[in-house]
Amino acid sequence: MARLVPLFSGSSGNSYYVGNSEEGVLLDIGRSCKQTVEMLENCGIRPTAVKGIFITHEHSDHVKGLRVFASKYNLPVFATPGTIRALDAMNEINGKFPVYEMESGISVAGMEVYSFATSHDCAQSCGYRVHTADGRVMALATDLGFVSDEVMDGIKGADYLVLESNHDVGMLTSGPYPYQLKKRILSDVGHLSNETCAQLLPKLIKDGTRKFMLAHISKENNLPELAYQTSLCRLTMEGMNENNDFTLNLAPVDNSRGTSIVF
């Protein structure tokens, strides 16, 4: 059965394994090769089970381990054309592994992977929708300033959704960040707030998605419990009951507990 293993989440690095114990793919690789290998093994996954890496965008907390890990295991890397150009300019592409532009439905590890455009302050960011061999669908949407129609099309109806709940607006606006950085985070090319994330969940449940993981939670401008409670309160106000109408998890900063979610 297909499973999701959140390896890392947050400003210090983001990476998710999707697949089974024999083969799967990584969505981003934002920690070093050594840390990624250690965490995969901690979660009961052989590094050689990874058959491909899909990159959402070129920011370091999503690609820090890319060059070394992909070179070591000679893995195909997939990204949008703009992200590939940015990675090349950053010298993250060294010719030791193949790099492919995302197309409509890439087949890797017995799964079909699709991308959808997101709004973020980078070259050409995207989210991913993964169709597994056993007919399940997992979607990832983080690092987006707002939820566009294209994002909605990419995530609706997924069996499991990893969705950004990055910051609490009050904590951010009253916090120590410089004004321009606050403005950037709050903009349409920044990050989703707890409130925006929470407002989206009832509609997604009505469209068929019932399992959620809140991700990319800011260490400086948020608290995991605050992100969780904001979404939970919104869903409760809509008359929905946890563990009956939906499940709500938090992506760990690092998966030291070896959490694995079957979806």
C-alpha atoms as a PDB file:
ATOM      1  CA  MET A   1       0.000   0.000   0.000  1.00  0.00           C
ATOM      2  CA  ALA A   2       1.076   3.572  -0.700  1.00  0.00           C
ATOM      3  CA  ARG A   3       2.349   5.645   2.165  1.00  0.00           C
ATOM      4  CA  LEU A   4       3.552   9.146   2.865  1.00  0.00           C
ATOM      5  CA  VAL A   5       6.635   9.672   5.003  1.00  0.00           C
ATOM      6  CA  PRO A   6       7.277  13.316   5.965  1.00  0.00           C
ATOM      7  CA  LEU A   7      11.043  13.419   6.406  1.00  0.00           C
ATOM      8  CA  PHE A   8      11.476  17.133   7.119  1.00  0.00           C
ATOM      9  CA  SER A   9       9.269  20.234   7.145  1.00  0.00           C
ATOM     10  CA  GLY A  10       9.865  23.916   7.826  1.00  0.00           C
ATOM     11  CA  SER A  11      12.386  26.641   7.107  1.00  0.00           C
ATOM     12  CA  SER A  12      15.291  24.327   8.005  1.00  0.00           C
ATOM     13  CA  GLY A  13      14.394  21.869   5.240  1.00  0.00           C
ATOM     14  CA  ASN A  14      11.514  20.138   3.461  1.00  0.00           C
ATOM     15  CA  SER A  15      11.299  16.622   2.046  1.00  0.00           C
ATOM     16  CA  TYR A  16       8.643  13.916   1.677  1.00  0.00           C
ATOM     17  CA  TYR A  17       8.839  10.301   0.565  1.00  0.00           C
ATOM     18  CA  VAL A  18       5.850   8.870  -1.303  1.00  0.00           C
ATOM     19  CA  GLY A  19       5.670   5.211  -2.286  1.00  0.00           C
ATOM     20  CA  ASN A  20       6.025   1.884  -0.547  1.00  0.00           C
ATOM     21  CA  SER A  21       8.836   0.022   1.192  1.00  0.00           C
ATOM     22  CA  GLU A  22      10.283  -1.132  -2.138  1.00  0.00           C
ATOM     23  CA  GLU A  23      10.231   2.028  -4.255  1.00  0.00           C
ATOM     24  CA  GLY A  24       9.053   5.594  -4.246  1.00  0.00           C
ATOM     25  CA  VAL A  25       9.985   9.206  -4.931  1.00  0.00           C
ATOM     26  CA  LEU A  26      11.127  12.241  -2.978  1.00  0.00           C
ATOM     27  CA  LEU A  27       9.214  15.503  -3.162  1.00  0.00           C
ATOM     28  CA  ASP A  28      12.001  18.019  -2.469  1.00  0.00           C
ATOM     29  CA  ILE A  29      15.235  17.324  -0.616  1.00  0.00           C
ATOM     30  CA  GLY A  30      15.924  20.284   1.637  1.00  0.00           C
ATOM     31  CA  ARG A  31      18.433  18.754   4.021  1.00  0.00           C
ATOM     32  CA  SER A  32      21.922  17.402   3.293  1.00  0.00           C
ATOM     33  CA  CYS A  33      22.450  14.036   1.656  1.00  0.00           C
ATOM     34  CA  LYS A  34      23.719  12.611   4.947  1.00  0.00           C
ATOM     35  CA  GLN A  35      20.696  13.844   6.899  1.00  0.00           C
ATOM     36  CA  THR A  36      18.315  12.597   4.216  1.00  0.00           C
ATOM     37  CA  VAL A  37      19.877   9.134   4.161  1.00  0.00           C
ATOM     38  CA  GLU A  38      19.788   8.938   7.952  1.00  0.00           C
ATOM     39  CA  MET A  39      16.143   9.977   8.096  1.00  0.00           C
ATOM     40  CA  LEU A  40      15.089   7.588   5.335  1.00  0.00           C
ATOM     41  CA  GLU A  41      16.759   4.727   7.189  1.00  0.00           C
ATOM     42  CA  ASN A  42      15.225   5.884  10.482  1.00  0.00           C
ATOM     43  CA  CYS A  43      11.833   5.577   8.787  1.00  0.00           C
ATOM     44  CA  GLY A  44      12.598   2.097   7.459  1.00  0.00           C
ATOM     45  CA  ILE A  45      13.292   3.151   3.869  1.00  0.00           C
ATOM     46  CA  ARG A  46      16.430   2.172   1.982  1.00  0.00           C
ATOM     47  CA  PRO A  47      17.922   5.163   0.128  1.00  0.00           C
ATOM     48  CA  THR A  48      18.055   2.980  -2.987  1.00  0.00           C
ATOM     49  CA  ALA A  49      14.255   2.731  -2.837  1.00  0.00           C
ATOM     50  CA  VAL A  50      14.146   6.325  -4.074  1.00  0.00           C
ATOM     51  CA  LYS A  51      13.691   6.231  -7.854  1.00  0.00           C
ATOM     52  CA  GLY A  52      13.319   9.935  -8.579  1.00  0.00           C
ATOM     53  CA  ILE A  53      13.277  13.432  -7.054  1.00  0.00           C
ATOM     54  CA  PHE A  54      10.634  16.052  -7.806  1.00  0.00           C
ATOM     55  CA  ILE A  55      11.551  19.638  -6.928  1.00  0.00           C
ATOM     56  CA  THR A  56       8.932  22.296  -6.167  1.00  0.00           C
ATOM     57  CA  HIS A  57      11.326  25.264  -6.478  1.00  0.00           C
ATOM     58  CA  GLU A  58      14.946  26.245  -6.061  1.00  0.00           C
ATOM     59  CA  HIS A  59      15.030  27.765  -2.563  1.00  0.00           C
ATOM     60  CA  SER A  60      17.687  26.134  -0.393  1.00  0.00           C
ATOM     61  CA  ASP A  61      15.264  24.642   2.137  1.00  0.00           C
ATOM     62  CA  HIS A  62      13.935  22.502  -0.725  1.00  0.00           C
ATOM     63  CA  VAL A  63      17.137  21.575  -2.588  1.00  0.00           C
ATOM     64  CA  LYS A  64      20.011  21.560  -0.095  1.00  0.00           C
ATOM     65  CA  GLY A  65      20.743  17.848  -0.519  1.00  0.00           C
ATOM     66  CA  LEU A  66      19.848  17.571  -4.198  1.00  0.00           C
ATOM     67  CA  ARG A  67      23.226  17.626  -5.926  1.00  0.00           C
ATOM     68  CA  VAL A  68      24.997  15.153  -3.642  1.00  0.00           C
ATOM     69  CA  PHE A  69      22.081  12.735  -3.183  1.00  0.00           C
ATOM     70  CA  ALA A  70      21.109  12.657  -6.870  1.00  0.00           C
ATOM     71  CA  SER A  71      24.762  12.234  -7.879  1.00  0.00           C
ATOM     72  CA  LYS A  72      25.402   9.456  -5.373  1.00  0.00           C
ATOM     73  CA  TYR A  73      22.411   7.399  -6.484  1.00  0.00           C
ATOM     74  CA  ASN A  74      22.274   8.609 -10.129  1.00  0.00           C
ATOM     75  CA  LEU A  75      18.629   9.592  -9.791  1.00  0.00           C
ATOM     76  CA  PRO A  76      16.445  11.394 -12.316  1.00  0.00           C
ATOM     77  CA  VAL A  77      15.405  14.859 -11.169  1.00  0.00           C
ATOM     78  CA  PHE A  78      12.199  16.524 -12.340  1.00  0.00           C
ATOM     79  CA  ALA A  79      11.236  20.198 -12.147  1.00  0.00           C
ATOM     80  CA  THR A  80       9.645  22.981 -14.149  1.00  0.00           C
ATOM     81  CA  PRO A  81      11.790  24.627 -16.875  1.00  0.00           C
ATOM     82  CA  GLY A  82      12.218  27.794 -14.798  1.00  0.00           C
ATOM     83  CA  THR A  83      13.321  25.851 -11.735  1.00  0.00           C
ATOM     84  CA  ILE A  84      15.814  23.849 -13.796  1.00  0.00           C
ATOM     85  CA  ARG A  85      17.336  27.064 -15.153  1.00  0.00           C
ATOM     86  CA  ALA A  86      17.585  28.447 -11.621  1.00  0.00           C
ATOM     87  CA  LEU A  87      19.178  25.252 -10.306  1.00  0.00           C
ATOM     88  CA  ASP A  88      21.685  25.326 -13.161  1.00  0.00           C
ATOM     89  CA  ALA A  89      22.601  28.930 -12.331  1.00  0.00           C
ATOM     90  CA  MET A  90      23.101  27.855  -8.705  1.00  0.00           C
ATOM     91  CA  ASN A  91      25.459  25.038  -9.821  1.00  0.00           C
ATOM     92  CA  GLU A  92      23.103  22.437  -8.349  1.00  0.00           C
ATOM     93  CA  ILE A  93      23.131  20.533 -11.658  1.00  0.00           C
ATOM     94  CA  ASN A  94      26.510  18.940 -12.270  1.00  0.00           C
ATOM     95  CA  GLY A  95      25.953  16.469 -15.121  1.00  0.00           C
ATOM     96  CA  LYS A  96      26.157  13.424 -12.830  1.00  0.00           C
ATOM     97  CA  PHE A  97      22.402  12.810 -12.858  1.00  0.00           C
ATOM     98  CA  PRO A  98      19.667  13.264 -15.483  1.00  0.00           C
ATOM     99  CA  VAL A  99      17.361  16.270 -15.251  1.00  0.00           C
ATOM    100  CA  TYR A 100      13.966  16.415 -16.945  1.00  0.00           C
ATOM    101  CA  GLU A 101      11.357  19.095 -17.424  1.00  0.00           C
ATOM    102  CA  MET A 102       7.983  18.271 -15.912  1.00  0.00           C
ATOM    103  CA  GLU A 103       5.419  17.015 -18.384  1.00  0.00           C
ATOM    104  CA  SER A 104       1.831  15.881 -17.983  1.00  0.00           C
ATOM    105  CA  GLY A 105       2.148  12.694 -15.991  1.00  0.00           C
ATOM    106  CA  ILE A 106       5.668  11.433 -15.285  1.00  0.00           C
ATOM    107  CA  SER A 107       5.846   7.688 -14.565  1.00  0.00           C
ATOM    108  CA  VAL A 108       8.281   6.784 -11.768  1.00  0.00           C
ATOM    109  CA  ALA A 109       8.253   3.902  -9.266  1.00  0.00           C
ATOM    110  CA  GLY A 110       4.907   2.655 -10.531  1.00  0.00           C
ATOM    111  CA  MET A 111       3.268   6.041  -9.912  1.00  0.00           C
ATOM    112  CA  GLU A 112       2.109   8.947 -12.078  1.00  0.00           C
ATOM    113  CA  VAL A 113       3.241  12.393 -10.950  1.00  0.00           C
ATOM    114  CA  TYR A 114       1.624  15.630 -12.128  1.00  0.00           C
ATOM    115  CA  SER A 115       2.577  19.222 -11.361  1.00  0.00           C
ATOM    116  CA  PHE A 116       0.521  22.391 -10.982  1.00  0.00           C
ATOM    117  CA  ALA A 117       1.712  25.991 -10.841  1.00  0.00           C
ATOM    118  CA  THR A 118       1.950  27.808  -7.520  1.00  0.00           C
ATOM    119  CA  SER A 119       2.600  31.463  -6.691  1.00  0.00           C
ATOM    120  CA  HIS A 120       5.907  32.023  -4.890  1.00  0.00           C
ATOM    121  CA  ASP A 121       8.855  34.409  -5.194  1.00  0.00           C
ATOM    122  CA  CYS A 122      11.082  32.136  -7.240  1.00  0.00           C
ATOM    123  CA  ALA A 123      11.612  31.177 -10.867  1.00  0.00           C
ATOM    124  CA  GLN A 124       8.688  28.790 -11.532  1.00  0.00           C
ATOM    125  CA  SER A 125       7.352  26.987  -8.472  1.00  0.00           C
ATOM    126  CA  CYS A 126       4.878  24.135  -8.493  1.00  0.00           C
ATOM    127  CA  GLY A 127       3.048  21.630  -6.337  1.00  0.00           C
ATOM    128  CA  TYR A 128       2.629  17.931  -7.049  1.00  0.00           C
ATOM    129  CA  ARG A 129      -0.180  15.415  -7.357  1.00  0.00           C
ATOM    130  CA  VAL A 130       0.890  11.767  -7.110  1.00  0.00           C
ATOM    131  CA  HIS A 131      -1.295   8.885  -8.350  1.00  0.00           C
ATOM    132  CA  THR A 132      -0.140   5.624  -6.798  1.00  0.00           C
ATOM    133  CA  ALA A 133      -0.287   2.118  -8.242  1.00  0.00           C
ATOM    134  CA  ASP A 134      -3.127   1.161  -5.904  1.00  0.00           C
ATOM    135  CA  GLY A 135      -5.344   3.994  -7.107  1.00  0.00           C
ATOM    136  CA  ARG A 136      -4.722   6.515  -4.333  1.00  0.00           C
ATOM    137  CA  VAL A 137      -3.876  10.196  -4.745  1.00  0.00           C
ATOM    138  CA  MET A 138      -1.586  12.347  -2.616  1.00  0.00           C
ATOM    139  CA  ALA A 139      -1.030  16.076  -3.228  1.00  0.00           C
ATOM    140  CA  LEU A 140       1.513  18.597  -1.941  1.00  0.00           C
ATOM    141  CA  ALA A 141       0.934  22.359  -1.919  1.00  0.00           C
ATOM    142  CA  THR A 142       3.336  24.502   0.105  1.00  0.00           C
ATOM    143  CA  ASP A 143       5.200  27.784  -0.494  1.00  0.00           C
ATOM    144  CA  LEU A 144       2.284  29.551  -2.142  1.00  0.00           C
ATOM    145  CA  GLY A 145       1.091  33.067  -1.563  1.00  0.00           C
ATOM    146  CA  PHE A 146      -2.518  32.288  -2.417  1.00  0.00           C
ATOM    147  CA  VAL A 147      -4.663  29.402  -3.613  1.00  0.00           C
ATOM    148  CA  SER A 148      -5.316  29.863  -7.327  1.00  0.00           C
ATOM    149  CA  ASP A 149      -7.823  27.967  -9.454  1.00  0.00           C
ATOM    150  CA  GLU A 150      -4.929  25.892 -10.791  1.00  0.00           C
ATOM    151  CA  VAL A 151      -3.859  24.959  -7.260  1.00  0.00           C
ATOM    152  CA  MET A 152      -7.433  24.005  -6.407  1.00  0.00           C
ATOM    153  CA  ASP A 153      -7.602  21.780  -9.483  1.00  0.00           C
ATOM    154  CA  GLY A 154      -4.317  20.176  -8.430  1.00  0.00           C
ATOM    155  CA  ILE A 155      -5.304  19.362  -4.862  1.00  0.00           C
ATOM    156  CA  LYS A 156      -9.062  18.775  -4.807  1.00  0.00           C
ATOM    157  CA  GLY A 157     -10.242  15.223  -4.411  1.00  0.00           C
ATOM    158  CA  ALA A 158      -6.853  13.952  -3.212  1.00  0.00           C
ATOM    159  CA  ASP A 159      -6.972  11.144  -0.673  1.00  0.00           C
ATOM    160  CA  TYR A 160      -4.238  12.876   1.319  1.00  0.00           C
ATOM    161  CA  LEU A 161      -3.131  16.510   1.156  1.00  0.00           C
ATOM    162  CA  VAL A 162      -0.013  18.185   2.549  1.00  0.00           C
ATOM    163  CA  LEU A 163      -0.978  21.863   2.787  1.00  0.00           C
ATOM    164  CA  GLU A 164       0.949  24.884   3.986  1.00  0.00           C
ATOM    165  CA  SER A 165      -0.047  26.565   7.253  1.00  0.00           C
ATOM    166  CA  ASN A 166       3.024  28.749   7.522  1.00  0.00           C
ATOM    167  CA  HIS A 167       2.336  31.648   9.857  1.00  0.00           C
ATOM    168  CA  ASP A 168      -0.032  33.329  12.271  1.00  0.00           C
ATOM    169  CA  VAL A 169      -0.672  36.829  10.936  1.00  0.00           C
ATOM    170  CA  GLY A 170      -0.638  38.390  14.405  1.00  0.00           C
ATOM    171  CA  MET A 171       2.667  36.759  15.351  1.00  0.00           C
ATOM    172  CA  LEU A 172       4.214  37.779  12.045  1.00  0.00           C
ATOM    173  CA  THR A 173       3.095  41.413  12.058  1.00  0.00           C
ATOM    174  CA  SER A 174       4.112  41.985  15.683  1.00  0.00           C
ATOM    175  CA  GLY A 175       7.316  39.967  15.433  1.00  0.00           C
ATOM    176  CA  PRO A 176      10.939  40.998  14.834  1.00  0.00           C
ATOM    177  CA  TYR A 177      11.128  40.439  11.058  1.00  0.00           C
ATOM    178  CA  PRO A 178      12.004  43.514   8.943  1.00  0.00           C
ATOM    179  CA  TYR A 179       9.028  45.211   7.295  1.00  0.00           C
ATOM    180  CA  GLN A 180       9.988  44.143   3.773  1.00  0.00           C
ATOM    181  CA  LEU A 181      10.242  40.485   4.803  1.00  0.00           C
ATOM    182  CA  LYS A 182       6.859  40.650   6.528  1.00  0.00           C
ATOM    183  CA  LYS A 183       5.415  42.227   3.390  1.00  0.00           C
ATOM    184  CA  ARG A 184       6.902  39.486   1.240  1.00  0.00           C
ATOM    185  CA  ILE A 185       5.530  36.655   3.423  1.00  0.00           C
ATOM    186  CA  LEU A 186       2.038  38.215   3.437  1.00  0.00           C
ATOM    187  CA  SER A 187       2.022  38.835  -0.317  1.00  0.00           C
ATOM    188  CA  ASP A 188       0.600  36.750  -3.154  1.00  0.00           C
ATOM    189  CA  VAL A 189       4.074  35.288  -3.721  1.00  0.00           C
ATOM    190  CA  GLY A 190       4.725  34.515  -0.058  1.00  0.00           C
ATOM    191  CA  HIS A 191       3.259  31.851   2.225  1.00  0.00           C
ATOM    192  CA  LEU A 192      -0.187  30.712   3.352  1.00  0.00           C
ATOM    193  CA  SER A 193      -1.298  31.834   6.798  1.00  0.00           C
ATOM    194  CA  ASN A 194      -3.044  29.614   9.328  1.00  0.00           C
ATOM    195  CA  GLU A 195      -6.271  31.487   8.653  1.00  0.00           C
ATOM    196  CA  THR A 196      -6.145  31.074   4.868  1.00  0.00           C
ATOM    197  CA  CYS A 197      -5.311  27.400   5.210  1.00  0.00           C
ATOM    198  CA  ALA A 198      -8.174  26.867   7.662  1.00  0.00           C
ATOM    199  CA  GLN A 199     -10.678  28.627   5.410  1.00  0.00           C
ATOM    200  CA  LEU A 200      -9.809  26.275   2.575  1.00  0.00           C
ATOM    201  CA  LEU A 201     -10.273  22.984   4.416  1.00  0.00           C
ATOM    202  CA  PRO A 202     -14.103  22.816   4.565  1.00  0.00           C
ATOM    203  CA  LYS A 203     -14.367  23.214   0.790  1.00  0.00           C
ATOM    204  CA  LEU A 204     -11.723  20.545   0.229  1.00  0.00           C
ATOM    205  CA  ILE A 205     -13.596  18.136   2.499  1.00  0.00           C
ATOM    206  CA  LYS A 206     -16.776  18.749   0.521  1.00  0.00           C
ATOM    207  CA  ASP A 207     -14.776  17.963  -2.644  1.00  0.00           C
ATOM    208  CA  GLY A 208     -13.695  14.615  -1.182  1.00  0.00           C
ATOM    209  CA  THR A 209     -10.398  15.185   0.637  1.00  0.00           C
ATOM    210  CA  ARG A 210     -10.578  14.114   4.274  1.00  0.00           C
ATOM    211  CA  LYS A 211      -6.965  13.587   5.355  1.00  0.00           C
ATOM    212  CA  PHE A 212      -4.660  16.567   5.849  1.00  0.00           C
ATOM    213  CA  MET A 213      -1.150  17.358   7.001  1.00  0.00           C
ATOM    214  CA  LEU A 214      -0.344  20.968   7.902  1.00  0.00           C
ATOM    215  CA  ALA A 215       3.175  21.767   6.751  1.00  0.00           C
ATOM    216  CA  HIS A 216       5.951  24.358   6.432  1.00  0.00           C
ATOM    217  CA  ILE A 217       5.045  25.779   9.852  1.00  0.00           C
ATOM    218  CA  SER A 218       7.249  28.773  10.659  1.00  0.00           C
ATOM    219  CA  LYS A 219       9.465  28.463  13.708  1.00  0.00           C
ATOM    220  CA  GLU A 220       9.503  32.228  14.252  1.00  0.00           C
ATOM    221  CA  ASN A 221       5.961  33.236  13.294  1.00  0.00           C
ATOM    222  CA  ASN A 222       3.828  30.269  14.279  1.00  0.00           C
ATOM    223  CA  LEU A 223       3.355  27.421  16.726  1.00  0.00           C
ATOM    224  CA  PRO A 224       2.389  23.885  15.675  1.00  0.00           C
ATOM    225  CA  GLU A 225      -0.488  23.825  18.160  1.00  0.00           C
ATOM    226  CA  LEU A 226      -1.706  27.214  16.931  1.00  0.00           C
ATOM    227  CA  ALA A 227      -1.725  26.023  13.307  1.00  0.00           C
ATOM    228  CA  TYR A 228      -3.591  22.890  14.356  1.00  0.00           C
ATOM    229  CA  GLN A 229      -6.149  24.693  16.516  1.00  0.00           C
ATOM    230  CA  THR A 230      -6.848  27.338  13.853  1.00  0.00           C
ATOM    231  CA  SER A 231      -7.815  24.662  11.328  1.00  0.00           C
ATOM    232  CA  LEU A 232      -9.606  22.524  13.882  1.00  0.00           C
ATOM    233  CA  CYS A 233     -11.725  25.444  15.100  1.00  0.00           C
ATOM    234  CA  ARG A 234     -12.725  26.368  11.565  1.00  0.00           C
ATOM    235  CA  LEU A 235     -13.774  22.822  10.762  1.00  0.00           C
ATOM    236  CA  THR A 236     -15.643  22.480  14.048  1.00  0.00           C
ATOM    237  CA  MET A 237     -17.522  25.697  13.298  1.00  0.00           C
ATOM    238  CA  GLU A 238     -18.570  24.133  10.003  1.00  0.00           C
ATOM    239  CA  GLY A 239     -20.095  21.227  11.919  1.00  0.00           C
ATOM    240  CA  MET A 240     -17.352  18.725  11.045  1.00  0.00           C
ATOM    241  CA  ASN A 241     -15.949  16.230  13.534  1.00  0.00           C
ATOM    242  CA  GLU A 242     -12.309  15.174  13.761  1.00  0.00           C
ATOM    243  CA  ASN A 243     -11.610  11.465  13.108  1.00  0.00           C
ATOM    244  CA  ASN A 244     -15.084  11.146  11.624  1.00  0.00           C
ATOM    245  CA  ASP A 245     -15.274  13.772   8.880  1.00  0.00           C
ATOM    246  CA  PHE A 246     -11.526  14.417   8.676  1.00  0.00           C
ATOM    247  CA  THR A 247      -8.076  13.730  10.113  1.00  0.00           C
ATOM    248  CA  LEU A 248      -5.571  16.495  10.766  1.00  0.00           C
ATOM    249  CA  ASN A 249      -1.833  15.936  11.271  1.00  0.00           C
ATOM    250  CA  LEU A 250       1.194  18.177  11.645  1.00  0.00           C
ATOM    251  CA  ALA A 251       4.297  17.689   9.511  1.00  0.00           C
ATOM    252  CA  PRO A 252       7.285  17.193  11.846  1.00  0.00           C
ATOM    253  CA  VAL A 253      10.361  19.396  11.643  1.00  0.00           C
ATOM    254  CA  ASP A 254      12.222  16.081  11.450  1.00  0.00           C
ATOM    255  CA  ASN A 255      10.656  12.652  11.529  1.00  0.00           C
ATOM    256  CA  SER A 256      12.699  11.199  14.372  1.00  0.00           C
ATOM    257  CA  ARG A 257       9.711   9.078  15.377  1.00  0.00           C
ATOM    258  CA  GLY A 258       9.571   7.407  11.978  1.00  0.00           C
ATOM    259  CA  THR A 259       5.989   8.449  11.272  1.00  0.00           C
ATOM    260  CA  SER A 260       4.528   6.758   8.198  1.00  0.00           C
ATOM    261  CA  ILE A 261       1.016   7.448   6.932  1.00  0.00           C
ATOM    262  CA  VAL A 262      -0.934   5.005   4.791  1.00  0.00           C
ATOM    263  CA  PHE A 263      -3.436   6.815   2.604  1.00  0.00           C
END
